[in-house]
Amino acid sequence: MQPENSNLAQVYAALAYYYANQAEVETLLAEEVAEYARLVAEQAVGS
């Protein structure tokens, strides 16, 4: 049984993109994590 909104070709394409652009993807993810941490800290100070 396949998930409704994806198929094997989409999964393969996503993995291929990730491996072809791994450094950029990892950088973007690290930036998102840092932004989340900043917002959490900002919220804690404001509480």
PDB file of N, CA and C in Angstrom:
ATOM      1  N   MET A   1       0.838  -1.178   0.000  1.00  0.00           N
ATOM      2  CA  MET A   1       0.000   0.000   0.000  1.00  0.00           C
ATOM      3  C   MET A   1       0.888   1.248   0.000  1.00  0.00           C
ATOM      4  N   GLN A   2       0.636   2.179  -0.911  1.00  0.00           N
ATOM      5  CA  GLN A   2       1.417   3.404  -1.017  1.00  0.00           C
ATOM      6  C   GLN A   2       0.709   4.552  -0.318  1.00  0.00           C
ATOM      7  N   PRO A   3       1.490   5.483   0.241  1.00  0.00           N
ATOM      8  CA  PRO A   3       0.862   6.695   0.771  1.00  0.00           C
ATOM      9  C   PRO A   3       0.126   7.421  -0.361  1.00  0.00           C
ATOM     10  N   GLU A   4      -0.935   8.106  -0.022  1.00  0.00           N
ATOM     11  CA  GLU A   4      -1.768   8.738  -1.037  1.00  0.00           C
ATOM     12  C   GLU A   4      -1.041   9.795  -1.863  1.00  0.00           C
ATOM     13  N   ASN A   5      -0.173  10.592  -1.234  1.00  0.00           N
ATOM     14  CA  ASN A   5       0.392  11.746  -1.919  1.00  0.00           C
ATOM     15  C   ASN A   5       1.815  11.550  -2.413  1.00  0.00           C
ATOM     16  N   SER A   6       2.303  10.346  -2.479  1.00  0.00           N
ATOM     17  CA  SER A   6       3.649  10.133  -2.985  1.00  0.00           C
ATOM     18  C   SER A   6       3.722   8.814  -3.721  1.00  0.00           C
ATOM     19  N   ASN A   7       4.719   8.718  -4.536  1.00  0.00           N
ATOM     20  CA  ASN A   7       4.975   7.448  -5.199  1.00  0.00           C
ATOM     21  C   ASN A   7       6.479   7.251  -5.268  1.00  0.00           C
ATOM     22  N   LEU A   8       6.882   6.120  -5.727  1.00  0.00           N
ATOM     23  CA  LEU A   8       8.290   5.771  -5.732  1.00  0.00           C
ATOM     24  C   LEU A   8       9.122   6.776  -6.533  1.00  0.00           C
ATOM     25  N   ALA A   9       8.611   7.268  -7.635  1.00  0.00           N
ATOM     26  CA  ALA A   9       9.350   8.237  -8.442  1.00  0.00           C
ATOM     27  C   ALA A   9       9.582   9.539  -7.678  1.00  0.00           C
ATOM     28  N   GLN A  10       8.596   9.981  -6.909  1.00  0.00           N
ATOM     29  CA  GLN A  10       8.751  11.201  -6.120  1.00  0.00           C
ATOM     30  C   GLN A  10       9.784  11.007  -5.015  1.00  0.00           C
ATOM     31  N   VAL A  11       9.765   9.857  -4.384  1.00  0.00           N
ATOM     32  CA  VAL A  11      10.742   9.564  -3.338  1.00  0.00           C
ATOM     33  C   VAL A  11      12.135   9.526  -3.940  1.00  0.00           C
ATOM     34  N   TYR A  12      12.292   8.871  -5.067  1.00  0.00           N
ATOM     35  CA  TYR A  12      13.587   8.799  -5.745  1.00  0.00           C
ATOM     36  C   TYR A  12      14.061  10.193  -6.124  1.00  0.00           C
ATOM     37  N   ALA A  13      13.169  11.023  -6.652  1.00  0.00           N
ATOM     38  CA  ALA A  13      13.543  12.388  -7.051  1.00  0.00           C
ATOM     39  C   ALA A  13      13.995  13.205  -5.842  1.00  0.00           C
ATOM     40  N   ALA A  14      13.292  13.063  -4.728  1.00  0.00           N
ATOM     41  CA  ALA A  14      13.672  13.801  -3.522  1.00  0.00           C
ATOM     42  C   ALA A  14      15.040  13.353  -3.023  1.00  0.00           C
ATOM     43  N   LEU A  15      15.285  12.053  -3.003  1.00  0.00           N
ATOM     44  CA  LEU A  15      16.587  11.552  -2.571  1.00  0.00           C
ATOM     45  C   LEU A  15      17.694  11.964  -3.532  1.00  0.00           C
ATOM     46  N   ALA A  16      17.426  11.921  -4.818  1.00  0.00           N
ATOM     47  CA  ALA A  16      18.419  12.327  -5.808  1.00  0.00           C
ATOM     48  C   ALA A  16      18.765  13.795  -5.636  1.00  0.00           C
ATOM     49  N   TYR A  17      17.759  14.632  -5.400  1.00  0.00           N
ATOM     50  CA  TYR A  17      18.005  16.057  -5.180  1.00  0.00           C
ATOM     51  C   TYR A  17      18.849  16.252  -3.922  1.00  0.00           C
ATOM     52  N   TYR A  18      18.482  15.565  -2.863  1.00  0.00           N
ATOM     53  CA  TYR A  18      19.218  15.697  -1.605  1.00  0.00           C
ATOM     54  C   TYR A  18      20.681  15.321  -1.800  1.00  0.00           C
ATOM     55  N   TYR A  19      20.943  14.183  -2.412  1.00  0.00           N
ATOM     56  CA  TYR A  19      22.329  13.739  -2.563  1.00  0.00           C
ATOM     57  C   TYR A  19      23.100  14.618  -3.538  1.00  0.00           C
ATOM     58  N   ALA A  20      22.440  15.200  -4.520  1.00  0.00           N
ATOM     59  CA  ALA A  20      23.116  16.092  -5.466  1.00  0.00           C
ATOM     60  C   ALA A  20      23.397  17.454  -4.851  1.00  0.00           C
ATOM     61  N   ASN A  21      22.638  17.827  -3.818  1.00  0.00           N
ATOM     62  CA  ASN A  21      22.745  19.153  -3.207  1.00  0.00           C
ATOM     63  C   ASN A  21      22.879  19.053  -1.692  1.00  0.00           C
ATOM     64  N   GLN A  22      23.545  18.021  -1.226  1.00  0.00           N
ATOM     65  CA  GLN A  22      23.576  17.711   0.204  1.00  0.00           C
ATOM     66  C   GLN A  22      24.133  18.858   1.040  1.00  0.00           C
ATOM     67  N   ALA A  23      25.211  19.483   0.609  1.00  0.00           N
ATOM     68  CA  ALA A  23      25.804  20.570   1.399  1.00  0.00           C
ATOM     69  C   ALA A  23      24.822  21.735   1.536  1.00  0.00           C
ATOM     70  N   GLU A  24      24.181  22.103   0.438  1.00  0.00           N
ATOM     71  CA  GLU A  24      23.224  23.209   0.478  1.00  0.00           C
ATOM     72  C   GLU A  24      22.027  22.865   1.356  1.00  0.00           C
ATOM     73  N   VAL A  25      21.501  21.653   1.223  1.00  0.00           N
ATOM     74  CA  VAL A  25      20.354  21.234   2.021  1.00  0.00           C
ATOM     75  C   VAL A  25      20.720  21.234   3.502  1.00  0.00           C
ATOM     76  N   GLU A  26      21.883  20.701   3.839  1.00  0.00           N
ATOM     77  CA  GLU A  26      22.313  20.670   5.240  1.00  0.00           C
ATOM     78  C   GLU A  26      22.492  22.082   5.794  1.00  0.00           C
ATOM     79  N   THR A  27      23.022  22.994   4.977  1.00  0.00           N
ATOM     80  CA  THR A  27      23.172  24.386   5.403  1.00  0.00           C
ATOM     81  C   THR A  27      21.814  25.016   5.675  1.00  0.00           C
ATOM     82  N   LEU A  28      20.869  24.804   4.784  1.00  0.00           N
ATOM     83  CA  LEU A  28      19.523  25.358   4.970  1.00  0.00           C
ATOM     84  C   LEU A  28      18.851  24.781   6.211  1.00  0.00           C
ATOM     85  N   LEU A  29      19.014  23.487   6.429  1.00  0.00           N
ATOM     86  CA  LEU A  29      18.430  22.870   7.628  1.00  0.00           C
ATOM     87  C   LEU A  29      19.067  23.428   8.893  1.00  0.00           C
ATOM     88  N   ALA A  30      20.380  23.616   8.886  1.00  0.00           N
ATOM     89  CA  ALA A  30      21.062  24.176  10.055  1.00  0.00           C
ATOM     90  C   ALA A  30      20.582  25.599  10.325  1.00  0.00           C
ATOM     91  N   GLU A  31      20.358  26.378   9.276  1.00  0.00           N
ATOM     92  CA  GLU A  31      19.840  27.736   9.444  1.00  0.00           C
ATOM     93  C   GLU A  31      18.444  27.713  10.056  1.00  0.00           C
ATOM     94  N   GLU A  32      17.612  26.779   9.626  1.00  0.00           N
ATOM     95  CA  GLU A  32      16.262  26.661  10.166  1.00  0.00           C
ATOM     96  C   GLU A  32      16.307  26.281  11.648  1.00  0.00           C
ATOM     97  N   VAL A  33      17.179  25.361  12.004  1.00  0.00           N
ATOM     98  CA  VAL A  33      17.318  24.947  13.405  1.00  0.00           C
ATOM     99  C   VAL A  33      17.786  26.127  14.248  1.00  0.00           C
ATOM    100  N   ALA A  34      18.743  26.889  13.739  1.00  0.00           N
ATOM    101  CA  ALA A  34      19.249  28.048  14.477  1.00  0.00           C
ATOM    102  C   ALA A  34      18.154  29.099  14.647  1.00  0.00           C
ATOM    103  N   GLU A  35      17.369  29.320  13.619  1.00  0.00           N
ATOM    104  CA  GLU A  35      16.276  30.289  13.708  1.00  0.00           C
ATOM    105  C   GLU A  35      15.233  29.832  14.723  1.00  0.00           C
ATOM    106  N   TYR A  36      14.924  28.545  14.726  1.00  0.00           N
ATOM    107  CA  TYR A  36      13.983  28.002  15.705  1.00  0.00           C
ATOM    108  C   TYR A  36      14.512  28.217  17.124  1.00  0.00           C
ATOM    109  N   ALA A  37      15.771  27.915  17.336  1.00  0.00           N
ATOM    110  CA  ALA A  37      16.369  28.091  18.662  1.00  0.00           C
ATOM    111  C   ALA A  37      16.330  29.556  19.079  1.00  0.00           C
ATOM    112  N   ARG A  38      16.581  30.451  18.134  1.00  0.00           N
ATOM    113  CA  ARG A  38      16.543  31.884  18.437  1.00  0.00           C
ATOM    114  C   ARG A  38      15.132  32.308  18.841  1.00  0.00           C
ATOM    115  N   LEU A  39      14.140  31.831  18.118  1.00  0.00           N
ATOM    116  CA  LEU A  39      12.752  32.189  18.429  1.00  0.00           C
ATOM    117  C   LEU A  39      12.308  31.612  19.772  1.00  0.00           C
ATOM    118  N   VAL A  40      12.737  30.409  20.084  1.00  0.00           N
ATOM    119  CA  VAL A  40      12.398  29.806  21.368  1.00  0.00           C
ATOM    120  C   VAL A  40      13.022  30.628  22.491  1.00  0.00           C
ATOM    121  N   ALA A  41      14.286  31.010  22.321  1.00  0.00           N
ATOM    122  CA  ALA A  41      14.967  31.805  23.346  1.00  0.00           C
ATOM    123  C   ALA A  41      14.298  33.179  23.502  1.00  0.00           C
ATOM    124  N   GLU A  42      13.920  33.780  22.387  1.00  0.00           N
ATOM    125  CA  GLU A  42      13.243  35.064  22.411  1.00  0.00           C
ATOM    126  C   GLU A  42      11.915  34.970  23.141  1.00  0.00           C
ATOM    127  N   GLN A  43      11.187  33.894  22.888  1.00  0.00           N
ATOM    128  CA  GLN A  43       9.902  33.671  23.552  1.00  0.00           C
ATOM    129  C   GLN A  43      10.093  33.479  25.054  1.00  0.00           C
ATOM    130  N   ALA A  44      11.131  32.754  25.441  1.00  0.00           N
ATOM    131  CA  ALA A  44      11.396  32.508  26.861  1.00  0.00           C
ATOM    132  C   ALA A  44      11.729  33.795  27.580  1.00  0.00           C
ATOM    133  N   VAL A  45      12.441  34.686  26.940  1.00  0.00           N
ATOM    134  CA  VAL A  45      12.802  35.969  27.554  1.00  0.00           C
ATOM    135  C   VAL A  45      11.542  36.831  27.701  1.00  0.00           C
ATOM    136  N   GLY A  46      10.655  36.746  26.728  1.00  0.00           N
ATOM    137  CA  GLY A  46       9.437  37.541  26.760  1.00  0.00           C
ATOM    138  C   GLY A  46       8.383  37.026  27.707  1.00  0.00           C
ATOM    139  N   SER A  47       8.531  35.825  28.207  1.00  0.00           N
ATOM    140  CA  SER A  47       7.513  35.236  29.090  1.00  0.00           C
ATOM    141  C   SER A  47       7.598  35.750  30.494  1.00  0.00           C
TER     142      SER A  47
END
